[in-house]
Amino acid sequence: MNESGKPRSPDVVWHHATVTRERREKLQGHRGVVLWFTGLPSSGKSTIAHAVEERLHQTRCRTIVLDGDNIRHGLCGDLGFSAHDREENIRRIGEVAKLFVEGGTVVLTAFVSPFRRDRERARGLLLHGDFLEIHCRCPVEVCEQRDPKGHYQRAKEGQLKDFTGVSAPYEEPSDPELALDTARLSIEESVEKMLTLLRDRGVIR
């Protein structure tokens, strides 16, 4: 890719399939959409994303969760946590999410994605209404108490560099489609708010 996001080779062209997104969505009975969960580490992103996916799966929706740790085992295994690598990580995820949306899938992404410009770049890859930003809002003190990996403590001790919330910044969304107070809401309450959002936006019936 060059700086404009276009392929480096002029011989690379987009192939238009006969099975369109519209046909897939009609067959499945729901829209494709990206639910972009963002928040501090241990704010509840993955937990809520998987809980929402479970509820959607029970109603026969086609879903996929793109989880931060899982993605770094493969697609982004070559990236670290510098600002540049974080930017590239989110760029790749945005492109993958776009492909799944074209397949009529509900894509749930669970990434810290700390920078607004990177999240907006991912939004810009999609049509209006196809990207719903979900802010898992939680005080850093609560996130640290929940931290199952002990990363906050290690970051405070200087063992982890560029750790969001301690040694690296997090830019909160300025106007998310939904903000979940994950320090106060139960998982079930958060899931219900998510399902209400999806119904209101016409993603599911």
N, C-alpha and C. Protein backbone atom coordinates (compact mmCIF):
# COMPACT_ATOMS: atom_id res chain seq x y z
N MET A 1 0.83 -1.20 0.00
CA MET A 1 0.00 0.00 0.00
C MET A 1 0.88 1.26 0.00
N ASN A 2 0.44 2.30 -0.74
CA ASN A 2 1.14 3.57 -0.65
C ASN A 2 0.46 4.44 0.40
N GLU A 3 0.93 5.69 0.54
CA GLU A 3 0.41 6.55 1.61
C GLU A 3 -1.06 6.88 1.45
N SER A 4 -1.59 6.79 0.24
CA SER A 4 -3.01 7.10 0.01
C SER A 4 -3.90 5.90 0.31
N GLY A 5 -3.29 4.76 0.64
CA GLY A 5 -4.07 3.58 0.93
C GLY A 5 -4.40 2.76 -0.29
N LYS A 6 -3.84 3.13 -1.45
CA LYS A 6 -4.10 2.40 -2.69
C LYS A 6 -2.98 1.39 -2.94
N PRO A 7 -3.27 0.32 -3.69
CA PRO A 7 -2.22 -0.66 -4.00
C PRO A 7 -1.05 -0.01 -4.72
N ARG A 8 0.15 -0.53 -4.46
CA ARG A 8 1.34 0.01 -5.11
C ARG A 8 1.36 -0.32 -6.60
N SER A 9 0.80 -1.45 -6.97
CA SER A 9 0.81 -1.87 -8.37
C SER A 9 -0.46 -1.43 -9.09
N PRO A 10 -0.35 -0.81 -10.28
CA PRO A 10 -1.54 -0.41 -11.04
C PRO A 10 -2.29 -1.61 -11.62
N ASP A 11 -1.67 -2.79 -11.56
CA ASP A 11 -2.31 -3.99 -12.09
C ASP A 11 -3.27 -4.64 -11.09
N VAL A 12 -3.32 -4.12 -9.87
CA VAL A 12 -4.24 -4.65 -8.86
C VAL A 12 -5.58 -3.93 -8.99
N VAL A 13 -6.62 -4.67 -9.33
CA VAL A 13 -7.96 -4.09 -9.51
C VAL A 13 -8.95 -4.84 -8.63
N TRP A 14 -10.04 -4.16 -8.30
CA TRP A 14 -11.08 -4.77 -7.47
C TRP A 14 -11.99 -5.64 -8.33
N HIS A 15 -12.20 -6.88 -7.87
CA HIS A 15 -13.07 -7.80 -8.60
C HIS A 15 -14.47 -7.75 -7.99
N HIS A 16 -15.45 -7.44 -8.80
CA HIS A 16 -16.84 -7.34 -8.34
C HIS A 16 -17.53 -8.68 -8.47
N ALA A 17 -17.99 -9.24 -7.34
CA ALA A 17 -18.64 -10.55 -7.32
C ALA A 17 -20.11 -10.43 -7.71
N THR A 18 -20.66 -11.52 -8.20
CA THR A 18 -22.09 -11.51 -8.53
C THR A 18 -22.94 -11.66 -7.27
N VAL A 19 -22.39 -12.32 -6.25
CA VAL A 19 -23.10 -12.40 -4.96
C VAL A 19 -22.75 -11.14 -4.18
N THR A 20 -23.70 -10.24 -4.11
CA THR A 20 -23.46 -8.92 -3.51
C THR A 20 -23.74 -8.92 -2.01
N ARG A 21 -23.31 -7.86 -1.37
CA ARG A 21 -23.61 -7.68 0.05
C ARG A 21 -25.11 -7.68 0.29
N GLU A 22 -25.85 -7.01 -0.58
CA GLU A 22 -27.30 -6.93 -0.42
C GLU A 22 -27.94 -8.32 -0.46
N ARG A 23 -27.47 -9.18 -1.34
CA ARG A 23 -28.02 -10.53 -1.45
C ARG A 23 -27.68 -11.35 -0.20
N ARG A 24 -26.48 -11.16 0.31
CA ARG A 24 -26.09 -11.88 1.53
C ARG A 24 -26.94 -11.43 2.71
N GLU A 25 -27.13 -10.12 2.84
CA GLU A 25 -27.92 -9.61 3.97
C GLU A 25 -29.37 -10.06 3.89
N LYS A 26 -29.91 -10.11 2.68
CA LYS A 26 -31.29 -10.57 2.51
C LYS A 26 -31.41 -12.03 2.92
N LEU A 27 -30.43 -12.84 2.55
CA LEU A 27 -30.44 -14.26 2.90
C LEU A 27 -30.33 -14.45 4.42
N GLN A 28 -29.53 -13.62 5.06
CA GLN A 28 -29.26 -13.77 6.49
C GLN A 28 -30.29 -13.09 7.37
N GLY A 29 -30.98 -12.11 6.84
CA GLY A 29 -32.01 -11.44 7.63
C GLY A 29 -31.49 -10.36 8.56
N HIS A 30 -30.28 -9.89 8.33
CA HIS A 30 -29.75 -8.78 9.12
C HIS A 30 -28.65 -8.09 8.33
N ARG A 31 -28.30 -6.88 8.76
CA ARG A 31 -27.26 -6.09 8.09
C ARG A 31 -25.88 -6.48 8.57
N GLY A 32 -24.89 -6.21 7.73
CA GLY A 32 -23.50 -6.27 8.16
C GLY A 32 -23.14 -4.95 8.81
N VAL A 33 -22.32 -5.00 9.86
CA VAL A 33 -21.95 -3.78 10.57
C VAL A 33 -20.71 -4.05 11.39
N VAL A 34 -19.95 -3.00 11.70
CA VAL A 34 -18.80 -3.11 12.60
C VAL A 34 -19.18 -2.48 13.94
N LEU A 35 -19.04 -3.26 15.00
CA LEU A 35 -19.20 -2.75 16.36
C LEU A 35 -17.79 -2.61 16.93
N TRP A 36 -17.31 -1.38 16.99
CA TRP A 36 -15.92 -1.12 17.35
C TRP A 36 -15.84 -0.78 18.84
N PHE A 37 -15.47 -1.78 19.66
CA PHE A 37 -15.33 -1.57 21.10
C PHE A 37 -13.94 -0.99 21.38
N THR A 38 -13.90 0.13 22.07
CA THR A 38 -12.65 0.77 22.42
C THR A 38 -12.68 1.16 23.90
N GLY A 39 -11.52 1.16 24.51
CA GLY A 39 -11.43 1.52 25.93
C GLY A 39 -10.09 1.09 26.49
N LEU A 40 -9.83 1.48 27.72
CA LEU A 40 -8.58 1.12 28.38
C LEU A 40 -8.43 -0.40 28.50
N PRO A 41 -7.22 -0.90 28.66
CA PRO A 41 -7.05 -2.32 28.93
C PRO A 41 -7.85 -2.74 30.16
N SER A 42 -8.53 -3.87 30.07
CA SER A 42 -9.35 -4.42 31.16
C SER A 42 -10.61 -3.60 31.44
N SER A 43 -11.06 -2.83 30.46
CA SER A 43 -12.30 -2.06 30.63
C SER A 43 -13.54 -2.87 30.28
N GLY A 44 -13.36 -4.08 29.75
CA GLY A 44 -14.52 -4.94 29.46
C GLY A 44 -14.82 -5.15 28.00
N LYS A 45 -13.94 -4.70 27.13
CA LYS A 45 -14.21 -4.77 25.68
C LYS A 45 -14.45 -6.20 25.19
N SER A 46 -13.50 -7.07 25.43
CA SER A 46 -13.60 -8.45 24.95
C SER A 46 -14.75 -9.19 25.60
N THR A 47 -14.91 -8.99 26.89
CA THR A 47 -15.98 -9.68 27.62
C THR A 47 -17.35 -9.33 27.06
N ILE A 48 -17.58 -8.05 26.84
CA ILE A 48 -18.88 -7.61 26.33
C ILE A 48 -19.05 -8.01 24.87
N ALA A 49 -17.98 -7.88 24.08
CA ALA A 49 -18.07 -8.25 22.67
C ALA A 49 -18.48 -9.72 22.52
N HIS A 50 -17.87 -10.59 23.30
CA HIS A 50 -18.19 -12.02 23.20
C HIS A 50 -19.60 -12.31 23.74
N ALA A 51 -20.01 -11.57 24.76
CA ALA A 51 -21.36 -11.77 25.30
C ALA A 51 -22.41 -11.32 24.29
N VAL A 52 -22.15 -10.21 23.60
CA VAL A 52 -23.07 -9.75 22.55
C VAL A 52 -23.10 -10.75 21.40
N GLU A 53 -21.93 -11.25 21.02
CA GLU A 53 -21.89 -12.24 19.95
C GLU A 53 -22.71 -13.47 20.30
N GLU A 54 -22.61 -13.93 21.55
CA GLU A 54 -23.38 -15.11 21.97
C GLU A 54 -24.88 -14.88 21.80
N ARG A 55 -25.35 -13.71 22.22
CA ARG A 55 -26.78 -13.41 22.07
C ARG A 55 -27.18 -13.34 20.61
N LEU A 56 -26.36 -12.73 19.77
CA LEU A 56 -26.67 -12.63 18.34
C LEU A 56 -26.63 -14.01 17.69
N HIS A 57 -25.66 -14.82 18.07
CA HIS A 57 -25.55 -16.17 17.51
C HIS A 57 -26.80 -16.99 17.82
N GLN A 58 -27.35 -16.79 19.00
CA GLN A 58 -28.55 -17.53 19.39
C GLN A 58 -29.75 -17.17 18.52
N THR A 59 -29.70 -16.00 17.89
CA THR A 59 -30.78 -15.60 16.98
C THR A 59 -30.40 -15.83 15.52
N ARG A 60 -29.34 -16.64 15.30
CA ARG A 60 -28.90 -17.07 13.98
C ARG A 60 -28.26 -15.95 13.16
N CYS A 61 -27.71 -14.94 13.83
CA CYS A 61 -26.95 -13.90 13.14
C CYS A 61 -25.55 -14.42 12.81
N ARG A 62 -25.01 -13.97 11.68
CA ARG A 62 -23.63 -14.28 11.33
C ARG A 62 -22.73 -13.25 11.99
N THR A 63 -21.81 -13.73 12.82
CA THR A 63 -20.96 -12.84 13.62
C THR A 63 -19.51 -13.30 13.60
N ILE A 64 -18.62 -12.37 13.94
CA ILE A 64 -17.21 -12.70 14.17
C ILE A 64 -16.66 -11.67 15.15
N VAL A 65 -15.90 -12.14 16.13
CA VAL A 65 -15.20 -11.24 17.05
C VAL A 65 -13.74 -11.17 16.63
N LEU A 66 -13.25 -9.97 16.40
CA LEU A 66 -11.83 -9.74 16.16
C LEU A 66 -11.25 -9.20 17.46
N ASP A 67 -10.53 -10.05 18.17
CA ASP A 67 -10.02 -9.71 19.50
C ASP A 67 -8.55 -9.30 19.42
N GLY A 68 -8.17 -8.30 20.20
CA GLY A 68 -6.84 -7.75 20.12
C GLY A 68 -5.73 -8.77 20.29
N ASP A 69 -5.79 -9.57 21.35
CA ASP A 69 -4.75 -10.57 21.60
C ASP A 69 -4.73 -11.63 20.50
N ASN A 70 -5.90 -12.09 20.08
CA ASN A 70 -5.96 -13.14 19.06
C ASN A 70 -5.37 -12.68 17.74
N ILE A 71 -5.67 -11.45 17.35
CA ILE A 71 -5.16 -10.91 16.09
C ILE A 71 -3.63 -10.82 16.11
N ARG A 72 -3.07 -10.51 17.27
CA ARG A 72 -1.62 -10.39 17.37
C ARG A 72 -0.91 -11.74 17.38
N HIS A 73 -1.65 -12.82 17.43
CA HIS A 73 -1.04 -14.14 17.28
C HIS A 73 -0.76 -14.46 15.81
N GLY A 74 -1.45 -13.78 14.90
CA GLY A 74 -1.30 -14.11 13.49
C GLY A 74 -1.14 -12.89 12.61
N LEU A 75 -2.27 -12.31 12.20
CA LEU A 75 -2.27 -11.20 11.25
C LEU A 75 -1.32 -10.08 11.64
N CYS A 76 -1.29 -9.75 12.92
CA CYS A 76 -0.46 -8.63 13.38
C CYS A 76 0.65 -9.10 14.31
N GLY A 77 1.07 -10.33 14.15
CA GLY A 77 2.12 -10.89 14.99
C GLY A 77 3.47 -10.22 14.81
N ASP A 78 3.62 -9.49 13.73
CA ASP A 78 4.90 -8.81 13.46
C ASP A 78 4.95 -7.41 14.06
N LEU A 79 3.89 -6.99 14.73
CA LEU A 79 3.81 -5.62 15.23
C LEU A 79 4.04 -5.55 16.74
N GLY A 80 4.65 -4.45 17.17
CA GLY A 80 4.82 -4.18 18.59
C GLY A 80 3.77 -3.20 19.07
N PHE A 81 4.14 -2.33 20.02
CA PHE A 81 3.17 -1.42 20.60
C PHE A 81 3.61 0.04 20.52
N SER A 82 4.51 0.33 19.60
CA SER A 82 4.86 1.73 19.36
C SER A 82 3.66 2.43 18.71
N ALA A 83 3.69 3.75 18.68
CA ALA A 83 2.59 4.50 18.06
C ALA A 83 2.42 4.08 16.59
N HIS A 84 3.52 3.89 15.88
CA HIS A 84 3.45 3.49 14.47
C HIS A 84 2.84 2.10 14.34
N ASP A 85 3.26 1.17 15.18
CA ASP A 85 2.74 -0.20 15.10
C ASP A 85 1.27 -0.26 15.51
N ARG A 86 0.89 0.54 16.47
CA ARG A 86 -0.52 0.59 16.86
C ARG A 86 -1.37 1.10 15.69
N GLU A 87 -0.86 2.09 15.00
CA GLU A 87 -1.57 2.63 13.84
C GLU A 87 -1.73 1.57 12.76
N GLU A 88 -0.67 0.84 12.47
CA GLU A 88 -0.74 -0.20 11.46
C GLU A 88 -1.65 -1.35 11.90
N ASN A 89 -1.63 -1.67 13.17
CA ASN A 89 -2.51 -2.70 13.71
C ASN A 89 -3.98 -2.36 13.44
N ILE A 90 -4.36 -1.14 13.74
CA ILE A 90 -5.75 -0.73 13.54
C ILE A 90 -6.07 -0.61 12.05
N ARG A 91 -5.11 -0.19 11.24
CA ARG A 91 -5.36 -0.12 9.80
C ARG A 91 -5.71 -1.50 9.25
N ARG A 92 -4.93 -2.50 9.64
CA ARG A 92 -5.20 -3.85 9.16
C ARG A 92 -6.56 -4.34 9.63
N ILE A 93 -6.87 -4.08 10.90
CA ILE A 93 -8.16 -4.53 11.44
C ILE A 93 -9.31 -3.87 10.70
N GLY A 94 -9.17 -2.58 10.41
CA GLY A 94 -10.22 -1.88 9.67
C GLY A 94 -10.46 -2.51 8.31
N GLU A 95 -9.39 -2.87 7.63
CA GLU A 95 -9.54 -3.49 6.30
C GLU A 95 -10.19 -4.87 6.40
N VAL A 96 -9.80 -5.65 7.40
CA VAL A 96 -10.40 -6.97 7.59
C VAL A 96 -11.88 -6.83 7.94
N ALA A 97 -12.19 -5.90 8.83
CA ALA A 97 -13.58 -5.68 9.22
C ALA A 97 -14.44 -5.29 8.02
N LYS A 98 -13.88 -4.46 7.15
CA LYS A 98 -14.61 -4.04 5.94
C LYS A 98 -14.97 -5.24 5.08
N LEU A 99 -14.06 -6.18 4.92
CA LEU A 99 -14.33 -7.38 4.12
C LEU A 99 -15.45 -8.20 4.73
N PHE A 100 -15.44 -8.34 6.05
CA PHE A 100 -16.50 -9.10 6.71
C PHE A 100 -17.86 -8.41 6.55
N VAL A 101 -17.87 -7.08 6.62
CA VAL A 101 -19.13 -6.35 6.45
C VAL A 101 -19.68 -6.58 5.05
N GLU A 102 -18.80 -6.61 4.05
CA GLU A 102 -19.24 -6.90 2.69
C GLU A 102 -19.86 -8.30 2.61
N GLY A 103 -19.45 -9.18 3.52
CA GLY A 103 -20.03 -10.51 3.59
C GLY A 103 -21.32 -10.55 4.40
N GLY A 104 -21.79 -9.39 4.86
CA GLY A 104 -23.03 -9.32 5.62
C GLY A 104 -22.90 -9.75 7.07
N THR A 105 -21.68 -9.71 7.59
CA THR A 105 -21.41 -10.18 8.95
C THR A 105 -21.44 -9.04 9.96
N VAL A 106 -21.90 -9.34 11.17
CA VAL A 106 -21.78 -8.42 12.29
C VAL A 106 -20.39 -8.63 12.88
N VAL A 107 -19.53 -7.62 12.74
CA VAL A 107 -18.13 -7.72 13.18
C VAL A 107 -17.99 -6.99 14.51
N LEU A 108 -17.51 -7.69 15.52
CA LEU A 108 -17.29 -7.09 16.83
C LEU A 108 -15.79 -7.02 17.06
N THR A 109 -15.23 -5.81 17.12
CA THR A 109 -13.80 -5.66 17.31
C THR A 109 -13.53 -5.21 18.74
N ALA A 110 -12.55 -5.83 19.38
CA ALA A 110 -12.21 -5.48 20.76
C ALA A 110 -10.73 -5.11 20.83
N PHE A 111 -10.47 -3.82 20.68
CA PHE A 111 -9.10 -3.30 20.67
C PHE A 111 -9.05 -2.02 21.50
N VAL A 112 -7.94 -1.82 22.20
CA VAL A 112 -7.77 -0.56 22.91
C VAL A 112 -7.91 0.59 21.93
N SER A 113 -7.28 0.47 20.77
CA SER A 113 -7.29 1.51 19.72
C SER A 113 -7.29 2.90 20.35
N PRO A 114 -6.16 3.30 20.93
CA PRO A 114 -6.13 4.48 21.80
C PRO A 114 -6.23 5.82 21.10
N PHE A 115 -6.00 5.85 19.77
CA PHE A 115 -5.94 7.15 19.10
C PHE A 115 -7.18 7.40 18.24
N ARG A 116 -7.77 8.59 18.41
CA ARG A 116 -9.00 8.94 17.67
C ARG A 116 -8.79 8.88 16.16
N ARG A 117 -7.65 9.36 15.70
CA ARG A 117 -7.44 9.41 14.25
C ARG A 117 -7.45 8.01 13.64
N ASP A 118 -6.93 7.03 14.37
CA ASP A 118 -6.92 5.66 13.86
C ASP A 118 -8.33 5.08 13.81
N ARG A 119 -9.12 5.37 14.83
CA ARG A 119 -10.51 4.89 14.83
C ARG A 119 -11.32 5.57 13.73
N GLU A 120 -11.06 6.86 13.52
CA GLU A 120 -11.78 7.57 12.46
C GLU A 120 -11.35 7.09 11.09
N ARG A 121 -10.10 6.70 10.95
CA ARG A 121 -9.65 6.15 9.68
C ARG A 121 -10.37 4.83 9.40
N ALA A 122 -10.55 4.01 10.42
CA ALA A 122 -11.28 2.76 10.25
C ALA A 122 -12.74 3.05 9.90
N ARG A 123 -13.33 4.04 10.54
CA ARG A 123 -14.71 4.43 10.22
C ARG A 123 -14.82 4.86 8.76
N GLY A 124 -13.79 5.59 8.30
CA GLY A 124 -13.82 6.12 6.95
C GLY A 124 -13.76 5.07 5.85
N LEU A 125 -13.38 3.85 6.21
CA LEU A 125 -13.35 2.77 5.23
C LEU A 125 -14.74 2.26 4.88
N LEU A 126 -15.72 2.59 5.73
CA LEU A 126 -17.05 2.01 5.61
C LEU A 126 -18.09 3.04 5.25
N LEU A 127 -19.22 2.56 4.77
CA LEU A 127 -20.33 3.44 4.46
C LEU A 127 -20.92 4.01 5.74
N HIS A 128 -21.60 5.14 5.61
CA HIS A 128 -22.24 5.76 6.78
C HIS A 128 -23.22 4.77 7.43
N GLY A 129 -23.09 4.61 8.72
CA GLY A 129 -23.98 3.71 9.45
C GLY A 129 -23.43 2.30 9.61
N ASP A 130 -22.30 2.00 8.95
CA ASP A 130 -21.73 0.66 9.03
C ASP A 130 -20.69 0.53 10.15
N PHE A 131 -20.37 1.63 10.80
CA PHE A 131 -19.36 1.64 11.86
C PHE A 131 -19.98 2.24 13.11
N LEU A 132 -20.12 1.43 14.16
CA LEU A 132 -20.69 1.91 15.42
C LEU A 132 -19.60 1.82 16.49
N GLU A 133 -19.20 2.98 16.99
CA GLU A 133 -18.14 3.04 17.99
C GLU A 133 -18.74 2.88 19.38
N ILE A 134 -18.20 1.92 20.14
CA ILE A 134 -18.70 1.64 21.49
C ILE A 134 -17.58 1.93 22.47
N HIS A 135 -17.78 2.92 23.31
CA HIS A 135 -16.75 3.27 24.29
C HIS A 135 -17.04 2.54 25.60
N CYS A 136 -16.15 1.63 25.97
CA CYS A 136 -16.22 0.96 27.27
C CYS A 136 -15.52 1.87 28.26
N ARG A 137 -16.31 2.69 28.93
CA ARG A 137 -15.77 3.74 29.80
C ARG A 137 -15.59 3.19 31.22
N CYS A 138 -14.36 3.25 31.71
CA CYS A 138 -14.07 2.68 33.01
C CYS A 138 -12.85 3.39 33.60
N PRO A 139 -12.92 3.81 34.87
CA PRO A 139 -11.76 4.48 35.48
C PRO A 139 -10.54 3.56 35.49
N VAL A 140 -9.38 4.15 35.33
CA VAL A 140 -8.15 3.36 35.26
C VAL A 140 -7.95 2.57 36.55
N GLU A 141 -8.40 3.11 37.68
CA GLU A 141 -8.24 2.39 38.95
C GLU A 141 -9.02 1.09 38.96
N VAL A 142 -10.22 1.11 38.38
CA VAL A 142 -11.04 -0.10 38.31
C VAL A 142 -10.43 -1.08 37.32
N CYS A 143 -9.95 -0.57 36.19
CA CYS A 143 -9.30 -1.44 35.21
C CYS A 143 -8.11 -2.16 35.82
N GLU A 144 -7.35 -1.43 36.62
CA GLU A 144 -6.17 -2.04 37.25
C GLU A 144 -6.59 -3.14 38.22
N GLN A 145 -7.67 -2.92 38.96
CA GLN A 145 -8.14 -3.94 39.89
C GLN A 145 -8.60 -5.20 39.16
N ARG A 146 -9.15 -5.03 37.95
CA ARG A 146 -9.66 -6.16 37.19
C ARG A 146 -8.57 -6.88 36.40
N ASP A 147 -7.45 -6.25 36.20
CA ASP A 147 -6.41 -6.72 35.28
C ASP A 147 -5.97 -8.15 35.59
N PRO A 148 -6.34 -9.13 34.75
CA PRO A 148 -5.99 -10.52 35.05
C PRO A 148 -4.53 -10.86 34.74
N LYS A 149 -3.87 -10.01 33.98
CA LYS A 149 -2.49 -10.30 33.57
C LYS A 149 -1.45 -9.56 34.38
N GLY A 150 -1.90 -8.64 35.22
CA GLY A 150 -0.96 -7.85 36.01
C GLY A 150 -0.18 -6.84 35.20
N HIS A 151 -0.71 -6.45 34.04
CA HIS A 151 0.01 -5.53 33.16
C HIS A 151 0.14 -4.13 33.75
N TYR A 152 -0.91 -3.66 34.44
CA TYR A 152 -0.84 -2.31 35.01
C TYR A 152 0.30 -2.22 36.01
N GLN A 153 0.41 -3.20 36.88
CA GLN A 153 1.47 -3.19 37.88
C GLN A 153 2.84 -3.27 37.22
N ARG A 154 2.97 -4.13 36.23
CA ARG A 154 4.25 -4.26 35.52
C ARG A 154 4.62 -2.96 34.82
N ALA A 155 3.59 -2.28 34.26
CA ALA A 155 3.86 -1.00 33.59
C ALA A 155 4.31 0.05 34.60
N LYS A 156 3.70 0.06 35.78
CA LYS A 156 4.09 1.02 36.82
C LYS A 156 5.52 0.77 37.30
N GLU A 157 5.92 -0.49 37.25
CA GLU A 157 7.27 -0.85 37.67
C GLU A 157 8.30 -0.68 36.55
N GLY A 158 7.83 -0.23 35.38
CA GLY A 158 8.73 0.02 34.27
C GLY A 158 9.07 -1.21 33.45
N GLN A 159 8.38 -2.32 33.71
CA GLN A 159 8.66 -3.55 32.97
C GLN A 159 7.98 -3.57 31.60
N LEU A 160 6.90 -2.81 31.45
CA LEU A 160 6.17 -2.72 30.19
C LEU A 160 6.21 -1.28 29.70
N LYS A 161 6.71 -1.08 28.50
CA LYS A 161 6.73 0.25 27.91
C LYS A 161 5.50 0.47 27.04
N ASP A 162 5.13 1.72 26.87
CA ASP A 162 4.02 2.09 25.98
C ASP A 162 2.74 1.37 26.36
N PHE A 163 2.45 1.28 27.65
CA PHE A 163 1.23 0.61 28.09
C PHE A 163 0.14 1.67 28.30
N THR A 164 -0.95 1.53 27.56
CA THR A 164 -2.03 2.53 27.59
C THR A 164 -2.63 2.64 28.98
N GLY A 165 -2.77 3.86 29.45
CA GLY A 165 -3.34 4.13 30.76
C GLY A 165 -2.28 4.37 31.82
N VAL A 166 -1.02 3.97 31.51
CA VAL A 166 0.08 4.18 32.46
C VAL A 166 1.20 4.97 31.78
N SER A 167 1.79 4.40 30.75
CA SER A 167 2.93 5.04 30.08
C SER A 167 2.63 5.45 28.64
N ALA A 168 1.38 5.29 28.22
CA ALA A 168 0.95 5.72 26.88
C ALA A 168 -0.46 6.28 27.00
N PRO A 169 -0.81 7.27 26.17
CA PRO A 169 -2.10 7.94 26.31
C PRO A 169 -3.27 7.15 25.73
N TYR A 170 -4.46 7.47 26.20
CA TYR A 170 -5.70 6.98 25.60
C TYR A 170 -6.60 8.17 25.31
N GLU A 171 -7.02 8.32 24.06
CA GLU A 171 -7.89 9.42 23.66
C GLU A 171 -9.33 8.91 23.59
N GLU A 172 -10.15 9.37 24.51
CA GLU A 172 -11.54 8.91 24.56
C GLU A 172 -12.30 9.37 23.31
N PRO A 173 -13.28 8.57 22.87
CA PRO A 173 -14.12 9.00 21.75
C PRO A 173 -14.85 10.29 22.09
N SER A 174 -14.94 11.17 21.11
CA SER A 174 -15.63 12.44 21.33
C SER A 174 -17.13 12.30 21.15
N ASP A 175 -17.56 11.38 20.29
CA ASP A 175 -18.99 11.24 20.02
C ASP A 175 -19.31 9.79 19.61
N PRO A 176 -19.14 8.84 20.54
CA PRO A 176 -19.39 7.44 20.19
C PRO A 176 -20.88 7.18 19.99
N GLU A 177 -21.19 6.15 19.23
CA GLU A 177 -22.60 5.75 19.07
C GLU A 177 -23.18 5.24 20.37
N LEU A 178 -22.32 4.70 21.25
CA LEU A 178 -22.78 4.23 22.55
C LEU A 178 -21.61 4.26 23.53
N ALA A 179 -21.87 4.74 24.74
CA ALA A 179 -20.89 4.70 25.82
C ALA A 179 -21.44 3.80 26.92
N LEU A 180 -20.65 2.80 27.29
CA LEU A 180 -21.05 1.87 28.34
C LEU A 180 -20.21 2.15 29.59
N ASP A 181 -20.88 2.43 30.69
CA ASP A 181 -20.19 2.64 31.96
C ASP A 181 -19.92 1.26 32.56
N THR A 182 -18.80 0.66 32.14
CA THR A 182 -18.55 -0.73 32.51
C THR A 182 -18.12 -0.91 33.96
N ALA A 183 -17.88 0.18 34.68
CA ALA A 183 -17.61 0.08 36.11
C ALA A 183 -18.90 -0.07 36.89
N ARG A 184 -20.01 0.33 36.29
CA ARG A 184 -21.31 0.30 36.97
C ARG A 184 -22.24 -0.75 36.40
N LEU A 185 -22.26 -0.90 35.08
CA LEU A 185 -23.20 -1.82 34.44
C LEU A 185 -22.73 -3.26 34.53
N SER A 186 -23.68 -4.18 34.70
CA SER A 186 -23.35 -5.59 34.61
C SER A 186 -23.15 -5.96 33.14
N ILE A 187 -22.59 -7.13 32.90
CA ILE A 187 -22.42 -7.59 31.52
C ILE A 187 -23.77 -7.70 30.84
N GLU A 188 -24.76 -8.23 31.55
CA GLU A 188 -26.09 -8.39 30.97
C GLU A 188 -26.71 -7.05 30.60
N GLU A 189 -26.53 -6.04 31.46
CA GLU A 189 -27.06 -4.72 31.17
C GLU A 189 -26.37 -4.11 29.96
N SER A 190 -25.07 -4.30 29.85
CA SER A 190 -24.34 -3.79 28.70
C SER A 190 -24.81 -4.46 27.42
N VAL A 191 -25.02 -5.77 27.47
CA VAL A 191 -25.50 -6.51 26.30
C VAL A 191 -26.86 -5.99 25.86
N GLU A 192 -27.75 -5.74 26.79
CA GLU A 192 -29.09 -5.24 26.45
C GLU A 192 -29.01 -3.88 25.79
N LYS A 193 -28.12 -3.02 26.26
CA LYS A 193 -27.94 -1.71 25.65
C LYS A 193 -27.41 -1.86 24.22
N MET A 194 -26.52 -2.82 24.02
CA MET A 194 -25.99 -3.07 22.68
C MET A 194 -27.09 -3.57 21.74
N LEU A 195 -27.91 -4.49 22.20
CA LEU A 195 -28.98 -5.03 21.36
C LEU A 195 -30.00 -3.94 21.02
N THR A 196 -30.27 -3.06 21.97
CA THR A 196 -31.18 -1.94 21.70
C THR A 196 -30.60 -1.05 20.62
N LEU A 197 -29.30 -0.77 20.69
CA LEU A 197 -28.64 0.04 19.67
C LEU A 197 -28.77 -0.61 18.29
N LEU A 198 -28.54 -1.92 18.22
CA LEU A 198 -28.61 -2.62 16.94
C LEU A 198 -30.03 -2.61 16.37
N ARG A 199 -31.01 -2.72 17.22
CA ARG A 199 -32.39 -2.66 16.74
C ARG A 199 -32.73 -1.24 16.26
N ASP A 200 -32.31 -0.25 17.04
CA ASP A 200 -32.59 1.14 16.67
C ASP A 200 -31.92 1.53 15.35
N ARG A 201 -30.75 0.94 15.07
CA ARG A 201 -30.04 1.25 13.83
C ARG A 201 -30.45 0.35 12.67
N GLY A 202 -31.41 -0.54 12.90
CA GLY A 202 -31.89 -1.38 11.83
C GLY A 202 -30.96 -2.50 11.43
N VAL A 203 -30.02 -2.85 12.32
CA VAL A 203 -29.09 -3.94 12.02
C VAL A 203 -29.78 -5.28 12.19
N ILE A 204 -30.52 -5.41 13.29
CA ILE A 204 -31.30 -6.63 13.56
C ILE A 204 -32.75 -6.23 13.77
N ARG A 205 -33.61 -7.22 13.67
CA ARG A 205 -35.04 -6.95 13.84
C ARG A 205 -35.43 -7.06 15.31
